[in-house]
């Protein structure tokens, strides 16, 4: 099987490549990535020693170049996206361009070349805030941010290509991922690295927003199963086994570092900040998947990775954070 993995140098994408190279050694893998700030050559350099892996720098919005590489694939897995909610508030246009137009570019190439399977990586945020119960795949999408709205639109475009052109589309919507190789602007790695540096931890609002967390390895194993057993035209939720308030996660990280809660600094809340996400994952579990990690075990492993790989994340923080955070807090 020849698999084209767009956005494969990012957080979840690179972990997926790592999982697949271990699990399916005879497949051929091509990572196609624009290498924006959220991608990192250090995430994928270890794969170069594999004869069945190659990297291509490219933009999924570049239709001619994208079509060229889709032509040589059997399966496309689309991780390529702008994903940070705060950045979408600061500048929505790039989210529309990449997440919607880029997805359309990929799908059209898949239509032209008769791709065997297309996996669209989506998010639980398309459902919006959930007061009670858990979101099911058949629930109405109700996104709040430019980011989640662009992902919801991409889902609809993908399903339209399935219904209209017969492109074998499958959509996965996962809960909040965490683990190694996640950019330190995201919640858990930001708080871990700030704890290492003894910096304040900026917590939005009252900190009682609830998230359903999943360790990235568990998401990757679910994606593997969906790729092989999932049915075209279907959507599969992939949720973790715990719901926690943000403030509880922050305090747990501090506890594990042996540091005091006074490092938590509450800041003005994010506009349209969803209160709670929760996913019903019974559908994907029927395919034979279940998460292998509990939250505490996975958090311990994640902390250990960031402590051991300070060189990896330190340069990312120094490169991206000064301008970004000054703009972000001015917006507040």
Protein backbone atom coordinates (compact mmCIF):
# COMPACT_ATOMS: atom_id res chain seq x y z
CA UNK A 1 0.00 0.00 0.00
CA UNK A 2 1.26 3.49 -0.91
CA UNK A 3 0.14 6.08 1.64
CA UNK A 4 0.39 9.84 1.14
CA UNK A 5 0.34 11.59 4.53
CA UNK A 6 -0.27 15.30 4.21
CA UNK A 7 0.83 17.35 7.21
CA UNK A 8 2.94 14.39 8.28
CA UNK A 9 5.67 16.54 9.86
CA UNK A 10 3.28 17.96 12.44
CA UNK A 11 2.32 16.61 15.83
CA UNK A 12 -0.31 13.93 15.16
CA UNK A 13 0.89 13.30 11.61
CA UNK A 14 4.46 12.46 12.61
CA UNK A 15 3.24 10.22 15.42
CA UNK A 16 0.99 8.45 12.91
CA UNK A 17 3.94 7.85 10.58
CA UNK A 18 5.93 6.50 13.52
CA UNK A 19 3.08 4.13 14.42
CA UNK A 20 2.58 2.93 10.85
CA UNK A 21 6.28 2.31 10.17
CA UNK A 22 6.38 0.03 13.20
CA UNK A 23 3.08 -1.72 12.48
CA UNK A 24 3.12 -1.96 8.67
CA UNK A 25 6.73 -2.23 7.55
CA UNK A 26 5.95 -3.16 3.94
CA UNK A 27 3.87 -0.09 3.09
CA UNK A 28 5.33 2.90 1.26
CA UNK A 29 4.98 6.28 3.01
CA UNK A 30 5.26 9.77 1.58
CA UNK A 31 4.96 12.79 3.85
CA UNK A 32 3.78 15.90 1.99
CA UNK A 33 4.11 18.99 4.18
CA UNK A 34 4.47 22.75 3.68
CA UNK A 35 6.64 22.98 6.82
CA UNK A 36 4.86 25.88 8.50
CA UNK A 37 5.71 26.82 12.09
CA UNK A 38 3.62 23.86 13.33
CA UNK A 39 5.68 21.35 11.33
CA UNK A 40 9.18 20.38 12.31
CA UNK A 41 11.92 18.55 10.40
CA UNK A 42 13.09 17.16 13.75
CA UNK A 43 9.78 15.27 14.00
CA UNK A 44 10.52 13.13 10.95
CA UNK A 45 14.31 13.01 10.50
CA UNK A 46 14.46 9.58 12.16
CA UNK A 47 12.35 8.17 9.33
CA UNK A 48 15.00 8.87 6.68
CA UNK A 49 16.71 5.57 7.42
CA UNK A 50 13.62 3.72 6.16
CA UNK A 51 13.80 2.85 2.45
CA UNK A 52 10.02 2.97 2.22
CA UNK A 53 9.77 6.59 3.45
CA UNK A 54 10.23 9.87 1.62
CA UNK A 55 9.50 13.51 2.34
CA UNK A 56 8.18 16.08 -0.14
CA UNK A 57 7.84 19.75 0.74
CA UNK A 58 4.59 21.01 -0.71
CA UNK A 59 1.37 22.91 -0.17
CA UNK A 60 -1.96 21.09 -0.46
CA UNK A 61 -3.37 24.34 -1.90
CA UNK A 62 -0.99 23.96 -4.86
CA UNK A 63 -3.33 21.91 -7.02
CA UNK A 64 -0.89 20.89 -9.74
CA UNK A 65 1.84 19.71 -7.40
CA UNK A 66 -0.64 18.02 -5.07
CA UNK A 67 -2.24 16.13 -7.94
CA UNK A 68 1.19 14.90 -9.03
CA UNK A 69 1.80 13.12 -5.72
CA UNK A 70 -1.77 11.96 -5.14
CA UNK A 71 -1.48 10.20 -8.50
CA UNK A 72 1.18 7.89 -7.05
CA UNK A 73 -0.74 6.97 -3.88
CA UNK A 74 -3.34 4.37 -2.98
CA UNK A 75 -4.47 6.10 0.21
CA UNK A 76 -4.39 9.73 1.35
CA UNK A 77 -4.49 10.66 5.05
CA UNK A 78 -4.99 14.41 5.47
CA UNK A 79 -3.50 15.89 8.63
CA UNK A 80 -2.57 19.14 6.88
CA UNK A 81 -4.37 21.96 8.68
CA UNK A 82 -4.08 25.11 10.69
CA UNK A 83 -5.16 23.96 14.14
CA UNK A 84 -4.60 26.52 16.90
CA UNK A 85 -7.80 28.25 17.99
CA UNK A 86 -6.03 31.36 19.30
CA UNK A 87 -4.26 31.87 15.98
CA UNK A 88 -7.57 31.51 14.15
CA UNK A 89 -8.95 34.39 16.22
CA UNK A 90 -5.95 36.53 15.33
CA UNK A 91 -6.09 35.66 11.61
CA UNK A 92 -8.96 33.59 10.15
CA UNK A 93 -8.06 33.77 6.40
CA UNK A 94 -5.22 31.24 6.49
CA UNK A 95 -7.54 28.75 8.23
CA UNK A 96 -10.09 29.10 5.46
CA UNK A 97 -7.38 28.77 2.82
CA UNK A 98 -5.64 25.70 4.21
CA UNK A 99 -8.45 23.84 5.94
CA UNK A 100 -11.16 24.34 3.30
CA UNK A 101 -9.47 25.13 -0.01
CA UNK A 102 -6.59 22.78 0.71
CA UNK A 103 -8.98 19.95 1.52
CA UNK A 104 -10.87 20.60 -1.71
CA UNK A 105 -7.59 20.50 -3.64
CA UNK A 106 -6.75 17.10 -2.18
CA UNK A 107 -10.22 15.69 -2.73
CA UNK A 108 -10.30 16.82 -6.34
CA UNK A 109 -6.95 15.11 -6.96
CA UNK A 110 -8.33 11.96 -5.33
CA UNK A 111 -11.39 12.16 -7.61
CA UNK A 112 -9.25 12.50 -10.73
CA UNK A 113 -6.94 9.62 -9.91
CA UNK A 114 -9.41 7.19 -8.31
CA UNK A 115 -7.78 7.00 -4.90
CA UNK A 116 -8.74 3.88 -2.93
CA UNK A 117 -9.35 5.62 0.40
CA UNK A 118 -9.19 9.16 1.76
CA UNK A 119 -9.05 9.84 5.52
CA UNK A 120 -9.97 13.38 6.63
CA UNK A 121 -8.61 14.18 10.09
CA UNK A 122 -11.14 16.38 11.89
CA UNK A 123 -11.86 17.40 15.49
CA UNK A 124 -14.44 17.18 18.25
CA UNK A 125 -14.61 20.98 18.16
CA UNK A 126 -16.91 20.87 15.13
CA UNK A 127 -19.73 19.83 17.48
CA UNK A 128 -19.32 22.94 19.61
CA UNK A 129 -19.83 23.06 23.34
CA UNK A 130 -21.72 20.09 24.82
CA UNK A 131 -23.69 20.74 28.03
CA UNK A 132 -24.61 17.15 28.79
CA UNK A 133 -24.01 13.73 27.31
CA UNK A 134 -21.54 13.00 24.52
CA UNK A 135 -21.38 14.02 20.87
CA UNK A 136 -22.31 11.36 18.35
CA UNK A 137 -21.33 11.30 14.70
CA UNK A 138 -24.91 12.09 13.68
CA UNK A 139 -25.16 15.21 15.85
CA UNK A 140 -25.46 18.62 14.23
CA UNK A 141 -22.20 20.51 13.90
CA UNK A 142 -22.15 23.79 15.81
CA UNK A 143 -18.61 25.21 15.66
CA UNK A 144 -17.65 28.34 17.59
CA UNK A 145 -14.24 29.50 16.36
CA UNK A 146 -12.80 30.24 12.91
CA UNK A 147 -10.68 27.11 13.38
CA UNK A 148 -13.52 24.72 14.18
CA UNK A 149 -15.75 26.35 11.55
CA UNK A 150 -13.12 25.77 8.88
CA UNK A 151 -12.79 22.13 9.94
CA UNK A 152 -16.57 21.65 9.90
CA UNK A 153 -16.68 23.12 6.39
CA UNK A 154 -13.90 20.76 5.30
CA UNK A 155 -15.91 17.81 6.65
CA UNK A 156 -18.91 18.86 4.57
CA UNK A 157 -16.78 19.28 1.45
CA UNK A 158 -15.31 15.81 1.99
CA UNK A 159 -18.75 14.21 2.40
CA UNK A 160 -19.94 16.03 -0.71
CA UNK A 161 -17.10 14.47 -2.72
CA UNK A 162 -18.19 11.06 -1.43
CA UNK A 163 -21.85 11.56 -2.29
CA UNK A 164 -21.37 13.36 -5.59
CA UNK A 165 -18.24 11.75 -7.03
CA UNK A 166 -17.87 8.54 -5.06
CA UNK A 167 -14.52 9.48 -3.54
CA UNK A 168 -14.06 6.92 -0.69
CA UNK A 169 -13.95 9.46 2.13
CA UNK A 170 -13.79 8.60 5.82
CA UNK A 171 -13.78 11.30 8.51
CA UNK A 172 -12.31 10.92 11.99
CA UNK A 173 -13.03 13.40 14.79
CA UNK A 174 -10.73 13.04 17.77
CA UNK A 175 -10.76 14.69 21.17
CA UNK A 176 -7.85 16.81 22.45
CA UNK A 177 -4.59 15.00 21.68
CA UNK A 178 -1.45 15.28 23.77
CA UNK A 179 1.92 13.57 23.81
CA UNK A 180 5.46 13.83 22.37
CA UNK A 181 6.25 16.22 19.52
CA UNK A 182 3.31 18.57 20.20
CA UNK A 183 4.11 22.24 19.60
CA UNK A 184 4.62 24.05 22.94
CA UNK A 185 1.93 26.62 22.15
CA UNK A 186 -0.71 23.99 22.95
CA UNK A 187 -2.17 23.64 26.44
CA UNK A 188 -0.43 20.62 27.98
CA UNK A 189 3.05 21.12 26.45
CA UNK A 190 2.87 24.85 27.22
CA UNK A 191 2.16 24.14 30.88
CA UNK A 192 4.80 21.39 31.06
CA UNK A 193 7.52 23.53 29.48
CA UNK A 194 6.56 26.57 31.56
CA UNK A 195 6.85 24.39 34.65
CA UNK A 196 10.33 23.35 33.55
CA UNK A 197 11.23 27.03 33.10
CA UNK A 198 9.42 28.06 36.28
CA UNK A 199 7.25 30.47 34.28
CA UNK A 200 3.66 31.49 34.91
CA UNK A 201 0.96 29.31 33.34
CA UNK A 202 -1.69 31.42 31.55
CA UNK A 203 -5.10 29.85 32.23
CA UNK A 204 -8.18 31.18 30.46
CA UNK A 205 -11.13 32.43 32.51
CA UNK A 206 -12.03 30.38 35.57
CA UNK A 207 -10.21 27.32 34.23
CA UNK A 208 -13.31 25.14 34.44
CA UNK A 209 -13.58 24.38 30.74
CA UNK A 210 -13.75 20.60 30.33
CA UNK A 211 -11.83 18.65 27.72
CA UNK A 212 -11.84 14.98 26.72
CA UNK A 213 -8.14 14.04 26.48
CA UNK A 214 -6.59 11.30 24.34
CA UNK A 215 -2.96 10.24 24.18
CA UNK A 216 -1.68 10.65 20.64
CA UNK A 217 -0.58 6.99 20.37
CA UNK A 218 -4.15 5.90 21.08
CA UNK A 219 -5.48 8.19 18.37
CA UNK A 220 -2.92 6.80 15.92
CA UNK A 221 -3.93 3.21 16.66
CA UNK A 222 -7.57 4.18 16.04
CA UNK A 223 -6.63 5.83 12.73
CA UNK A 224 -4.81 2.65 11.72
CA UNK A 225 -7.96 0.62 12.38
CA UNK A 226 -10.21 3.10 10.59
CA UNK A 227 -7.89 3.11 7.57
CA UNK A 228 -8.13 -0.68 7.28
CA UNK A 229 -11.65 -1.40 8.55
CA UNK A 230 -13.57 1.86 8.23
CA UNK A 231 -16.40 2.26 5.76
CA UNK A 232 -16.34 5.05 3.14
CA UNK A 233 -18.91 7.76 3.74
CA UNK A 234 -18.76 7.30 7.51
CA UNK A 235 -17.61 9.50 10.38
CA UNK A 236 -15.82 8.02 13.41
CA UNK A 237 -15.38 9.77 16.76
CA UNK A 238 -12.12 8.95 18.57
CA UNK A 239 -12.32 10.04 22.20
CA UNK A 240 -10.09 9.53 25.22
CA UNK A 241 -11.07 7.88 28.48
CA UNK A 242 -11.12 10.96 30.72
CA UNK A 243 -12.78 14.36 31.00
CA UNK A 244 -10.97 16.98 33.06
CA UNK A 245 -11.24 20.66 33.82
CA UNK A 246 -8.32 22.69 32.52
CA UNK A 247 -7.50 23.93 35.99
CA UNK A 248 -7.31 20.36 37.29
CA UNK A 249 -4.87 19.43 34.51
CA UNK A 250 -2.76 22.50 35.29
CA UNK A 251 -2.67 21.70 39.00
CA UNK A 252 -1.79 18.06 38.33
CA UNK A 253 1.16 19.11 36.16
CA UNK A 254 2.39 21.41 38.92
CA UNK A 255 1.97 18.64 41.49
CA UNK A 256 4.00 16.23 39.38
CA UNK A 257 6.77 18.83 39.15
CA UNK A 258 6.55 19.54 42.88
CA UNK A 259 5.67 23.17 42.25
CA UNK A 260 3.09 25.46 43.81
CA UNK A 261 -0.26 26.51 42.37
CA UNK A 262 0.75 30.17 42.47
CA UNK A 263 2.41 29.63 39.08
CA UNK A 264 -1.07 29.52 37.55
CA UNK A 265 -2.01 32.95 36.21
CA UNK A 266 -5.62 33.40 35.17
CA UNK A 267 -6.04 35.56 32.07
CA UNK A 268 -9.01 37.01 30.24
CA UNK A 269 -11.04 34.26 28.63
CA UNK A 270 -10.82 33.39 24.95
CA UNK A 271 -13.72 34.76 22.83
CA UNK A 272 -16.46 32.15 22.28
CA UNK A 273 -14.59 29.66 24.46
CA UNK A 274 -16.42 26.32 24.38
CA UNK A 275 -17.20 25.04 27.87
CA UNK A 276 -17.10 21.29 27.33
CA UNK A 277 -16.25 18.69 24.71
CA UNK A 278 -17.12 15.01 25.03
CA UNK A 279 -17.19 12.25 22.42
CA UNK A 280 -19.15 9.03 22.11
CA UNK A 281 -16.58 6.61 20.63
CA UNK A 282 -18.75 3.50 20.55
CA UNK A 283 -18.77 3.40 16.74
CA UNK A 284 -14.98 3.14 16.34
CA UNK A 285 -14.81 0.69 19.24
CA UNK A 286 -17.05 -1.64 17.22
CA UNK A 287 -14.20 -1.81 14.70
CA UNK A 288 -11.99 -3.25 17.45
CA UNK A 289 -10.34 -0.17 18.95
CA UNK A 290 -9.92 0.88 22.56
CA UNK A 291 -7.45 3.31 24.17
CA UNK A 292 -4.42 1.61 25.69
CA UNK A 293 -3.36 4.44 28.03
CA UNK A 294 -5.02 6.03 31.01
CA UNK A 295 -4.60 9.77 31.40
CA UNK A 296 -2.16 9.75 34.33
CA UNK A 297 0.11 7.17 32.69
CA UNK A 298 0.11 9.10 29.43
CA UNK A 299 0.75 12.42 31.17
CA UNK A 300 3.74 10.93 33.01
CA UNK A 301 5.17 9.70 29.69
CA UNK A 302 4.54 13.09 28.07
CA UNK A 303 6.23 15.01 30.88
CA UNK A 304 9.20 12.65 30.73
CA UNK A 305 9.55 13.24 26.99
CA UNK A 306 9.52 17.04 27.27
CA UNK A 307 11.98 17.01 30.17
CA UNK A 308 14.38 14.88 28.13
CA UNK A 309 13.92 16.88 24.92
CA UNK A 310 14.32 20.47 26.03
CA UNK A 311 16.43 21.30 22.97
CA UNK A 312 13.50 20.27 20.73
CA UNK A 313 10.92 22.60 22.28
CA UNK A 314 13.10 25.46 23.51
CA UNK A 315 13.92 26.70 20.03
CA UNK A 316 10.25 26.52 19.01
CA UNK A 317 9.24 28.73 21.93
CA UNK A 318 12.02 31.22 21.25
CA UNK A 319 11.17 31.39 17.54
CA UNK A 320 7.41 31.75 17.61
CA UNK A 321 6.26 33.06 20.95
CA UNK A 322 7.44 36.64 21.30
CA UNK A 323 5.41 38.14 18.45
CA UNK A 324 2.51 35.73 18.80
CA UNK A 325 1.84 36.23 22.49
CA UNK A 326 2.19 40.00 22.32
CA UNK A 327 -0.52 40.03 19.66
CA UNK A 328 -2.66 37.52 21.52
CA UNK A 329 -2.74 39.38 24.82
CA UNK A 330 -3.25 42.71 23.08
CA UNK A 331 -6.34 41.12 21.55
CA UNK A 332 -7.55 40.25 25.04
